[in-house]
Amino acid sequence: LKDEDGLHKKVICNDQEEIMVLEATKLHNDNHFRMVRFEAKCNDYFLKIHRAIVRKVVSQCTVCLQSQPLKVKEKQTHIVASRPLERLQLDLIVMKQYKDSNGQYAWILAVLDVYSKFAWALALVTKSAREVVEKLEDLFFLIAPPQILQCDNGKEFVNKEMTSLCEGFKVKIIHS
C-alpha cells in the first residue's frame, strides 16, 4: 500500500500480531536502534504499528540488552515528617498564559507542609530570587519558619538571598 507521499508500506492486520512482531524483529536486527529511532523506522516501513510491539521487539533483543542495558532507576526514599512545619517543600508553577488576567502574576510559589499536607499558593510576578525570598519571609513571619526547607536546584532557590534567609531563620535547606 502507498502512503500519502507515494511510498510503499507493509500492511499487516491487527489480528496478525505475531507476523508484525516477526517483521519488526527482522527490521530491528538490521540496525538495533533504540526505542525512538526504531519506532520512526517502523513507521516508515509499516502503514501502522502499535507502540507496544516496538517496545516488545527492542526489549527482547539480546544484542541491545548486552550493549545498551536498561537504565536502573535510583531507589527513592519516602520523606517522613513527625510534626507540622518540620519540613516544607517548594516548587514553582508556571502561569504565564494567564498573567494578563491575573494582575501580571505569572508564577505560583507552591509551599507544602510534608506532615499535614497543608499547602500555600503564593502569587509571584516574576520568579526572581528576591521575590521568592520576600514571599517566604512573609510566610515564615505568619506561620513560623520550618526546620527544613526542600526545593529543587532552580536559580530562584539556589542563591545568596535564599542562603541568607535560611541562615537568618536557622532553617536547613535541602536542594534535590
N, C-alpha and C. Protein backbone atom coordinates (compact mmCIF):
# COMPACT_ATOMS: atom_id res chain seq x y z
N LEU A 1 0.85 -1.18 0.00
CA LEU A 1 0.00 0.00 0.00
C LEU A 1 0.89 1.24 0.00
N LYS A 2 0.44 2.30 -0.67
CA LYS A 2 1.21 3.55 -0.70
C LYS A 2 0.65 4.51 0.34
N ASP A 3 1.58 5.27 0.97
CA ASP A 3 1.13 6.30 1.91
C ASP A 3 0.91 7.60 1.16
N GLU A 4 0.65 8.69 1.90
CA GLU A 4 0.36 9.99 1.26
C GLU A 4 1.53 10.54 0.46
N ASP A 5 2.75 10.09 0.75
CA ASP A 5 3.92 10.53 -0.01
C ASP A 5 4.21 9.63 -1.20
N GLY A 6 3.38 8.62 -1.41
CA GLY A 6 3.58 7.70 -2.52
C GLY A 6 4.56 6.59 -2.23
N LEU A 7 4.98 6.44 -0.97
CA LEU A 7 5.92 5.39 -0.60
C LEU A 7 5.17 4.11 -0.26
N HIS A 8 5.73 2.98 -0.67
CA HIS A 8 5.12 1.69 -0.36
C HIS A 8 5.38 1.32 1.09
N LYS A 9 4.33 0.85 1.76
CA LYS A 9 4.44 0.41 3.15
C LYS A 9 3.75 -0.93 3.30
N LYS A 10 4.28 -1.75 4.24
CA LYS A 10 3.67 -3.05 4.52
C LYS A 10 2.41 -2.84 5.34
N VAL A 11 1.38 -3.60 5.01
CA VAL A 11 0.14 -3.57 5.76
C VAL A 11 -0.06 -4.95 6.38
N ILE A 12 -0.17 -4.97 7.71
CA ILE A 12 -0.43 -6.22 8.42
C ILE A 12 -1.62 -5.95 9.34
N CYS A 13 -2.60 -6.82 9.29
CA CYS A 13 -3.82 -6.64 10.08
C CYS A 13 -3.54 -6.76 11.57
N ASN A 14 -4.37 -6.11 12.36
CA ASN A 14 -4.21 -6.13 13.82
C ASN A 14 -4.26 -7.55 14.39
N ASP A 15 -5.03 -8.43 13.78
CA ASP A 15 -5.15 -9.79 14.31
C ASP A 15 -3.95 -10.67 13.93
N GLN A 16 -3.00 -10.12 13.21
CA GLN A 16 -1.79 -10.86 12.83
C GLN A 16 -0.57 -10.28 13.56
N GLU A 17 -0.71 -10.13 14.86
CA GLU A 17 0.34 -9.51 15.66
C GLU A 17 1.65 -10.28 15.60
N GLU A 18 1.57 -11.63 15.59
CA GLU A 18 2.80 -12.43 15.55
C GLU A 18 3.61 -12.14 14.29
N ILE A 19 2.90 -11.98 13.17
CA ILE A 19 3.59 -11.69 11.91
C ILE A 19 4.25 -10.32 11.99
N MET A 20 3.54 -9.34 12.57
CA MET A 20 4.11 -8.00 12.70
C MET A 20 5.33 -8.02 13.61
N VAL A 21 5.28 -8.80 14.70
CA VAL A 21 6.44 -8.91 15.60
C VAL A 21 7.62 -9.50 14.85
N LEU A 22 7.38 -10.55 14.06
CA LEU A 22 8.47 -11.17 13.27
C LEU A 22 9.05 -10.19 12.26
N GLU A 23 8.19 -9.47 11.54
CA GLU A 23 8.66 -8.48 10.56
C GLU A 23 9.44 -7.36 11.24
N ALA A 24 8.92 -6.89 12.37
CA ALA A 24 9.60 -5.82 13.10
C ALA A 24 10.94 -6.31 13.65
N THR A 25 10.98 -7.56 14.10
CA THR A 25 12.23 -8.13 14.61
C THR A 25 13.28 -8.20 13.51
N LYS A 26 12.87 -8.62 12.31
CA LYS A 26 13.80 -8.65 11.16
C LYS A 26 14.34 -7.25 10.89
N LEU A 27 13.45 -6.28 10.89
CA LEU A 27 13.85 -4.89 10.65
C LEU A 27 14.80 -4.40 11.75
N HIS A 28 14.49 -4.74 12.99
CA HIS A 28 15.32 -4.31 14.12
C HIS A 28 16.71 -4.96 14.08
N ASN A 29 16.78 -6.22 13.67
CA ASN A 29 18.06 -6.92 13.64
C ASN A 29 19.03 -6.34 12.62
N ASP A 30 18.54 -5.54 11.69
CA ASP A 30 19.42 -4.89 10.71
C ASP A 30 20.19 -3.72 11.30
N ASN A 31 19.65 -3.08 12.34
CA ASN A 31 20.30 -1.85 12.83
C ASN A 31 20.37 -1.72 14.35
N HIS A 32 19.52 -2.39 15.08
CA HIS A 32 19.49 -2.35 16.55
C HIS A 32 19.33 -0.93 17.10
N PHE A 33 18.42 -0.18 16.50
CA PHE A 33 18.10 1.15 17.02
C PHE A 33 17.40 1.02 18.36
N ARG A 34 17.55 2.06 19.18
CA ARG A 34 16.80 2.13 20.44
C ARG A 34 15.35 2.53 20.12
N MET A 35 14.55 2.69 21.15
CA MET A 35 13.10 2.85 21.01
C MET A 35 12.65 3.93 20.02
N VAL A 36 13.09 5.15 20.23
CA VAL A 36 12.57 6.27 19.44
C VAL A 36 12.94 6.14 17.97
N ARG A 37 14.21 5.85 17.70
CA ARG A 37 14.64 5.72 16.30
C ARG A 37 14.01 4.50 15.64
N PHE A 38 13.88 3.42 16.40
CA PHE A 38 13.28 2.22 15.82
C PHE A 38 11.79 2.43 15.54
N GLU A 39 11.11 3.14 16.42
CA GLU A 39 9.70 3.43 16.17
C GLU A 39 9.54 4.26 14.90
N ALA A 40 10.42 5.24 14.70
CA ALA A 40 10.38 6.05 13.48
C ALA A 40 10.64 5.17 12.25
N LYS A 41 11.60 4.27 12.36
CA LYS A 41 11.93 3.35 11.25
C LYS A 41 10.71 2.47 10.94
N CYS A 42 10.05 1.96 11.98
CA CYS A 42 8.85 1.13 11.79
C CYS A 42 7.73 1.91 11.13
N ASN A 43 7.58 3.17 11.50
CA ASN A 43 6.53 3.99 10.90
C ASN A 43 6.82 4.27 9.42
N ASP A 44 8.09 4.22 9.03
CA ASP A 44 8.44 4.34 7.61
C ASP A 44 8.18 3.04 6.86
N TYR A 45 8.28 1.92 7.56
CA TYR A 45 8.21 0.60 6.95
C TYR A 45 6.79 0.03 6.93
N PHE A 46 6.06 0.22 8.05
CA PHE A 46 4.69 -0.29 8.17
C PHE A 46 3.70 0.85 8.04
N LEU A 47 2.50 0.51 7.55
CA LEU A 47 1.45 1.53 7.49
C LEU A 47 1.06 1.95 8.90
N LYS A 48 0.94 0.96 9.79
CA LYS A 48 0.63 1.27 11.19
C LYS A 48 1.20 0.16 12.05
N ILE A 49 1.89 0.55 13.13
CA ILE A 49 2.42 -0.43 14.08
C ILE A 49 2.17 0.10 15.48
N HIS A 50 1.75 -0.78 16.36
CA HIS A 50 1.49 -0.37 17.74
C HIS A 50 2.80 -0.16 18.48
N ARG A 51 2.81 0.84 19.32
CA ARG A 51 4.00 1.15 20.12
C ARG A 51 4.38 -0.03 21.02
N ALA A 52 3.39 -0.79 21.48
CA ALA A 52 3.66 -1.95 22.34
C ALA A 52 4.51 -2.99 21.61
N ILE A 53 4.29 -3.13 20.32
CA ILE A 53 5.09 -4.08 19.53
C ILE A 53 6.52 -3.58 19.41
N VAL A 54 6.68 -2.30 19.18
CA VAL A 54 8.03 -1.71 19.09
C VAL A 54 8.77 -1.94 20.41
N ARG A 55 8.11 -1.66 21.52
CA ARG A 55 8.73 -1.88 22.84
C ARG A 55 9.11 -3.34 23.05
N LYS A 56 8.21 -4.22 22.67
CA LYS A 56 8.44 -5.65 22.84
C LYS A 56 9.67 -6.10 22.06
N VAL A 57 9.78 -5.68 20.81
CA VAL A 57 10.91 -6.09 19.97
C VAL A 57 12.22 -5.57 20.54
N VAL A 58 12.27 -4.30 20.92
CA VAL A 58 13.51 -3.72 21.44
C VAL A 58 13.87 -4.33 22.79
N SER A 59 12.88 -4.52 23.65
CA SER A 59 13.18 -5.03 24.99
C SER A 59 13.59 -6.50 24.99
N GLN A 60 13.25 -7.24 23.93
CA GLN A 60 13.61 -8.66 23.86
C GLN A 60 14.87 -8.90 23.03
N CYS A 61 15.47 -7.86 22.50
CA CYS A 61 16.67 -8.02 21.67
C CYS A 61 17.88 -8.25 22.57
N THR A 62 18.48 -9.42 22.46
CA THR A 62 19.62 -9.76 23.33
C THR A 62 20.85 -8.91 23.01
N VAL A 63 21.05 -8.57 21.75
CA VAL A 63 22.19 -7.72 21.37
C VAL A 63 22.06 -6.34 22.02
N CYS A 64 20.86 -5.77 21.95
CA CYS A 64 20.64 -4.44 22.55
C CYS A 64 20.78 -4.49 24.07
N LEU A 65 20.28 -5.55 24.68
CA LEU A 65 20.37 -5.67 26.13
C LEU A 65 21.81 -5.77 26.60
N GLN A 66 22.67 -6.42 25.82
CA GLN A 66 24.08 -6.56 26.20
C GLN A 66 24.86 -5.27 25.98
N SER A 67 24.59 -4.60 24.87
CA SER A 67 25.38 -3.40 24.56
C SER A 67 24.81 -2.13 25.17
N GLN A 68 23.52 -2.10 25.39
CA GLN A 68 22.86 -0.92 25.95
C GLN A 68 21.88 -1.36 27.02
N PRO A 69 22.37 -1.74 28.19
CA PRO A 69 21.47 -2.24 29.22
C PRO A 69 20.45 -1.19 29.64
N LEU A 70 19.30 -1.66 30.04
CA LEU A 70 18.26 -0.75 30.51
C LEU A 70 18.74 0.01 31.74
N LYS A 71 18.37 1.26 31.81
CA LYS A 71 18.78 2.08 32.94
C LYS A 71 18.02 1.65 34.19
N VAL A 72 18.75 1.52 35.27
CA VAL A 72 18.14 1.16 36.54
C VAL A 72 17.80 2.45 37.28
N LYS A 73 16.55 2.57 37.65
CA LYS A 73 16.13 3.78 38.35
C LYS A 73 16.68 3.77 39.77
N GLU A 74 17.11 4.94 40.19
CA GLU A 74 17.62 5.10 41.54
C GLU A 74 16.47 4.94 42.53
N LYS A 75 16.70 4.18 43.58
CA LYS A 75 15.65 3.96 44.57
C LYS A 75 15.37 5.27 45.31
N GLN A 76 14.12 5.63 45.37
CA GLN A 76 13.73 6.87 46.03
C GLN A 76 13.30 6.57 47.46
N THR A 77 13.66 7.48 48.34
CA THR A 77 13.29 7.31 49.74
C THR A 77 12.05 8.15 50.04
N HIS A 78 11.19 7.60 50.85
CA HIS A 78 9.97 8.29 51.24
C HIS A 78 10.32 9.31 52.32
N ILE A 79 9.87 10.54 52.13
CA ILE A 79 10.16 11.60 53.09
C ILE A 79 9.06 11.62 54.15
N VAL A 80 9.48 11.55 55.40
CA VAL A 80 8.54 11.50 56.52
C VAL A 80 8.82 12.68 57.44
N ALA A 81 7.76 13.29 57.90
CA ALA A 81 7.87 14.35 58.91
C ALA A 81 7.06 13.91 60.12
N SER A 82 7.54 14.24 61.31
CA SER A 82 6.86 13.79 62.53
C SER A 82 6.01 14.88 63.19
N ARG A 83 6.07 16.09 62.63
CA ARG A 83 5.26 17.18 63.20
C ARG A 83 5.07 18.28 62.15
N PRO A 84 4.07 19.14 62.35
CA PRO A 84 3.85 20.23 61.40
C PRO A 84 5.06 21.17 61.34
N LEU A 85 5.29 21.71 60.18
CA LEU A 85 6.37 22.67 59.90
C LEU A 85 7.78 22.10 60.14
N GLU A 86 7.89 20.80 60.20
CA GLU A 86 9.22 20.20 60.29
C GLU A 86 9.92 20.33 58.93
N ARG A 87 9.15 20.11 57.86
CA ARG A 87 9.72 20.18 56.52
C ARG A 87 8.69 20.79 55.57
N LEU A 88 9.12 21.84 54.87
CA LEU A 88 8.30 22.43 53.81
C LEU A 88 8.98 22.15 52.48
N GLN A 89 8.19 21.81 51.48
CA GLN A 89 8.70 21.60 50.13
C GLN A 89 8.21 22.73 49.25
N LEU A 90 9.09 23.21 48.36
CA LEU A 90 8.78 24.35 47.50
C LEU A 90 8.89 23.96 46.03
N ASP A 91 8.06 24.57 45.22
CA ASP A 91 8.21 24.46 43.78
C ASP A 91 7.48 25.63 43.14
N LEU A 92 7.83 25.91 41.89
CA LEU A 92 7.18 26.98 41.15
C LEU A 92 6.27 26.39 40.09
N ILE A 93 5.11 27.01 39.91
CA ILE A 93 4.16 26.61 38.89
C ILE A 93 4.07 27.75 37.89
N VAL A 94 4.21 27.43 36.61
CA VAL A 94 4.17 28.44 35.55
C VAL A 94 2.72 28.79 35.24
N MET A 95 2.40 30.08 35.27
CA MET A 95 1.05 30.55 34.94
C MET A 95 1.13 31.73 33.97
N LYS A 96 2.19 31.78 33.16
CA LYS A 96 2.41 32.92 32.25
C LYS A 96 1.23 33.17 31.32
N GLN A 97 0.58 32.10 30.88
CA GLN A 97 -0.51 32.26 29.92
C GLN A 97 -1.71 33.00 30.51
N TYR A 98 -1.77 33.11 31.84
CA TYR A 98 -2.89 33.79 32.49
C TYR A 98 -2.50 35.14 33.10
N LYS A 99 -1.27 35.59 32.87
CA LYS A 99 -0.79 36.78 33.58
C LYS A 99 -1.58 38.04 33.23
N ASP A 100 -2.09 38.15 32.01
CA ASP A 100 -2.86 39.34 31.64
C ASP A 100 -4.17 39.45 32.43
N SER A 101 -4.74 38.32 32.81
CA SER A 101 -5.99 38.35 33.57
C SER A 101 -5.75 38.18 35.07
N ASN A 102 -4.49 38.06 35.49
CA ASN A 102 -4.16 37.87 36.91
C ASN A 102 -3.33 39.01 37.48
N GLY A 103 -3.51 40.19 36.98
CA GLY A 103 -2.76 41.33 37.51
C GLY A 103 -1.26 41.18 37.33
N GLN A 104 -0.85 40.59 36.21
CA GLN A 104 0.56 40.36 35.84
C GLN A 104 1.26 39.27 36.67
N TYR A 105 0.53 38.55 37.50
CA TYR A 105 1.13 37.43 38.23
C TYR A 105 1.32 36.27 37.26
N ALA A 106 2.56 35.81 37.11
CA ALA A 106 2.87 34.77 36.13
C ALA A 106 3.34 33.47 36.75
N TRP A 107 3.54 33.45 38.06
CA TRP A 107 4.08 32.27 38.74
C TRP A 107 3.33 32.04 40.05
N ILE A 108 3.30 30.79 40.48
CA ILE A 108 2.78 30.45 41.80
C ILE A 108 3.89 29.73 42.54
N LEU A 109 4.22 30.23 43.73
CA LEU A 109 5.16 29.53 44.60
C LEU A 109 4.32 28.58 45.44
N ALA A 110 4.46 27.29 45.16
CA ALA A 110 3.71 26.26 45.89
C ALA A 110 4.55 25.81 47.08
N VAL A 111 3.97 25.89 48.26
CA VAL A 111 4.65 25.51 49.50
C VAL A 111 3.81 24.42 50.16
N LEU A 112 4.42 23.28 50.46
CA LEU A 112 3.70 22.15 51.04
C LEU A 112 4.33 21.73 52.36
N ASP A 113 3.50 21.63 53.40
CA ASP A 113 3.95 21.08 54.67
C ASP A 113 3.86 19.55 54.55
N VAL A 114 5.00 18.87 54.64
CA VAL A 114 5.05 17.43 54.41
C VAL A 114 4.20 16.67 55.43
N TYR A 115 4.17 17.12 56.66
CA TYR A 115 3.43 16.40 57.71
C TYR A 115 1.91 16.50 57.51
N SER A 116 1.41 17.71 57.40
CA SER A 116 -0.05 17.91 57.35
C SER A 116 -0.60 17.90 55.93
N LYS A 117 0.27 18.02 54.93
CA LYS A 117 -0.11 18.15 53.52
C LYS A 117 -0.84 19.48 53.26
N PHE A 118 -0.74 20.41 54.20
CA PHE A 118 -1.33 21.73 54.01
C PHE A 118 -0.47 22.48 53.00
N ALA A 119 -1.11 23.19 52.10
CA ALA A 119 -0.37 23.88 51.05
C ALA A 119 -0.71 25.36 51.02
N TRP A 120 0.28 26.15 50.65
CA TRP A 120 0.11 27.57 50.41
C TRP A 120 0.45 27.83 48.96
N ALA A 121 -0.30 28.70 48.32
CA ALA A 121 -0.03 29.11 46.95
C ALA A 121 0.21 30.61 46.96
N LEU A 122 1.43 31.01 46.69
CA LEU A 122 1.82 32.41 46.77
C LEU A 122 2.06 32.95 45.36
N ALA A 123 1.32 33.99 45.00
CA ALA A 123 1.41 34.56 43.65
C ALA A 123 2.68 35.38 43.48
N LEU A 124 3.35 35.19 42.34
CA LEU A 124 4.58 35.92 42.02
C LEU A 124 4.45 36.56 40.64
N VAL A 125 4.97 37.78 40.51
CA VAL A 125 5.01 38.43 39.20
C VAL A 125 6.16 37.84 38.39
N THR A 126 7.30 37.65 39.04
CA THR A 126 8.47 37.03 38.40
C THR A 126 8.93 35.88 39.29
N LYS A 127 9.87 35.12 38.79
CA LYS A 127 10.42 34.06 39.65
C LYS A 127 11.82 34.44 40.13
N SER A 128 12.03 35.72 40.33
CA SER A 128 13.34 36.19 40.78
C SER A 128 13.61 35.72 42.21
N ALA A 129 14.87 35.58 42.52
CA ALA A 129 15.28 35.14 43.85
C ALA A 129 14.73 36.09 44.91
N ARG A 130 14.81 37.38 44.64
CA ARG A 130 14.35 38.38 45.61
C ARG A 130 12.85 38.22 45.91
N GLU A 131 12.04 38.05 44.88
CA GLU A 131 10.60 37.93 45.10
C GLU A 131 10.25 36.63 45.83
N VAL A 132 10.92 35.54 45.48
CA VAL A 132 10.69 34.26 46.16
C VAL A 132 11.05 34.38 47.64
N VAL A 133 12.20 34.98 47.93
CA VAL A 133 12.65 35.14 49.31
C VAL A 133 11.69 36.04 50.09
N GLU A 134 11.21 37.13 49.48
CA GLU A 134 10.26 38.02 50.16
C GLU A 134 8.98 37.28 50.53
N LYS A 135 8.46 36.47 49.61
CA LYS A 135 7.23 35.71 49.89
C LYS A 135 7.46 34.68 51.00
N LEU A 136 8.61 34.01 50.98
CA LEU A 136 8.91 33.03 52.03
C LEU A 136 9.08 33.71 53.38
N GLU A 137 9.74 34.86 53.38
CA GLU A 137 9.93 35.61 54.62
C GLU A 137 8.58 36.00 55.22
N ASP A 138 7.66 36.49 54.37
CA ASP A 138 6.31 36.83 54.84
C ASP A 138 5.61 35.60 55.41
N LEU A 139 5.76 34.46 54.75
CA LEU A 139 5.14 33.22 55.22
C LEU A 139 5.73 32.78 56.55
N PHE A 140 7.05 32.88 56.69
CA PHE A 140 7.71 32.49 57.95
C PHE A 140 7.24 33.37 59.11
N PHE A 141 7.07 34.67 58.87
CA PHE A 141 6.57 35.56 59.92
C PHE A 141 5.12 35.24 60.27
N LEU A 142 4.37 34.76 59.30
CA LEU A 142 2.96 34.46 59.50
C LEU A 142 2.75 33.13 60.25
N ILE A 143 3.48 32.08 59.86
CA ILE A 143 3.22 30.75 60.44
C ILE A 143 4.36 30.20 61.28
N ALA A 144 5.54 30.75 61.20
CA ALA A 144 6.77 30.28 61.86
C ALA A 144 7.64 29.57 60.81
N PRO A 145 8.94 29.71 60.94
CA PRO A 145 9.83 29.06 59.97
C PRO A 145 9.88 27.54 60.19
N PRO A 146 10.10 26.79 59.13
CA PRO A 146 10.21 25.34 59.27
C PRO A 146 11.60 24.95 59.76
N GLN A 147 11.76 23.70 60.08
CA GLN A 147 13.08 23.19 60.43
C GLN A 147 13.89 22.94 59.16
N ILE A 148 13.21 22.40 58.13
CA ILE A 148 13.85 22.06 56.86
C ILE A 148 13.04 22.65 55.72
N LEU A 149 13.75 23.20 54.74
CA LEU A 149 13.15 23.72 53.52
C LEU A 149 13.72 22.92 52.37
N GLN A 150 12.87 22.27 51.58
CA GLN A 150 13.34 21.43 50.48
C GLN A 150 12.85 22.00 49.17
N CYS A 151 13.76 22.12 48.20
CA CYS A 151 13.40 22.66 46.89
C CYS A 151 14.34 22.10 45.83
N ASP A 152 14.05 22.40 44.57
CA ASP A 152 14.91 21.92 43.50
C ASP A 152 16.12 22.84 43.34
N ASN A 153 16.88 22.64 42.28
CA ASN A 153 18.11 23.40 42.07
C ASN A 153 17.92 24.60 41.15
N GLY A 154 16.71 25.11 41.05
CA GLY A 154 16.46 26.28 40.22
C GLY A 154 17.18 27.52 40.76
N LYS A 155 17.48 28.45 39.86
CA LYS A 155 18.20 29.68 40.25
C LYS A 155 17.44 30.48 41.30
N GLU A 156 16.12 30.35 41.28
CA GLU A 156 15.30 31.10 42.25
C GLU A 156 15.44 30.53 43.66
N PHE A 157 15.96 29.30 43.78
CA PHE A 157 16.13 28.67 45.09
C PHE A 157 17.60 28.54 45.51
N VAL A 158 18.50 28.51 44.56
CA VAL A 158 19.94 28.36 44.86
C VAL A 158 20.59 29.72 44.61
N ASN A 159 20.72 30.52 45.66
CA ASN A 159 21.29 31.86 45.53
C ASN A 159 21.63 32.40 46.91
N LYS A 160 22.31 33.53 46.92
CA LYS A 160 22.75 34.14 48.19
C LYS A 160 21.57 34.58 49.06
N GLU A 161 20.53 35.14 48.41
CA GLU A 161 19.37 35.61 49.17
C GLU A 161 18.69 34.47 49.93
N MET A 162 18.53 33.33 49.27
CA MET A 162 17.89 32.17 49.91
C MET A 162 18.76 31.64 51.04
N THR A 163 20.07 31.57 50.80
CA THR A 163 21.00 31.12 51.84
C THR A 163 20.93 32.04 53.05
N SER A 164 20.90 33.34 52.79
CA SER A 164 20.83 34.32 53.87
C SER A 164 19.51 34.19 54.65
N LEU A 165 18.40 34.01 53.94
CA LEU A 165 17.10 33.83 54.59
C LEU A 165 17.14 32.61 55.51
N CYS A 166 17.65 31.51 55.00
CA CYS A 166 17.68 30.27 55.80
C CYS A 166 18.62 30.39 57.00
N GLU A 167 19.74 31.06 56.82
CA GLU A 167 20.65 31.28 57.95
C GLU A 167 19.99 32.16 59.00
N GLY A 168 19.31 33.21 58.56
CA GLY A 168 18.65 34.14 59.48
C GLY A 168 17.56 33.48 60.31
N PHE A 169 16.82 32.56 59.71
CA PHE A 169 15.73 31.87 60.42
C PHE A 169 16.17 30.51 60.97
N LYS A 170 17.46 30.18 60.81
CA LYS A 170 18.01 28.90 61.27
C LYS A 170 17.25 27.71 60.66
N VAL A 171 17.08 27.79 59.34
CA VAL A 171 16.39 26.75 58.58
C VAL A 171 17.42 26.00 57.75
N LYS A 172 17.36 24.68 57.80
CA LYS A 172 18.25 23.85 56.97
C LYS A 172 17.62 23.77 55.58
N ILE A 173 18.40 24.05 54.54
CA ILE A 173 17.88 23.99 53.18
C ILE A 173 18.45 22.76 52.47
N ILE A 174 17.59 22.04 51.80
CA ILE A 174 18.00 20.85 51.05
C ILE A 174 17.57 21.04 49.61
N HIS A 175 18.53 20.92 48.70
CA HIS A 175 18.25 21.01 47.26
C HIS A 175 18.25 19.60 46.69
N SER A 176 17.20 19.25 45.98
CA SER A 176 17.13 17.90 45.41
C SER A 176 16.74 17.94 43.95
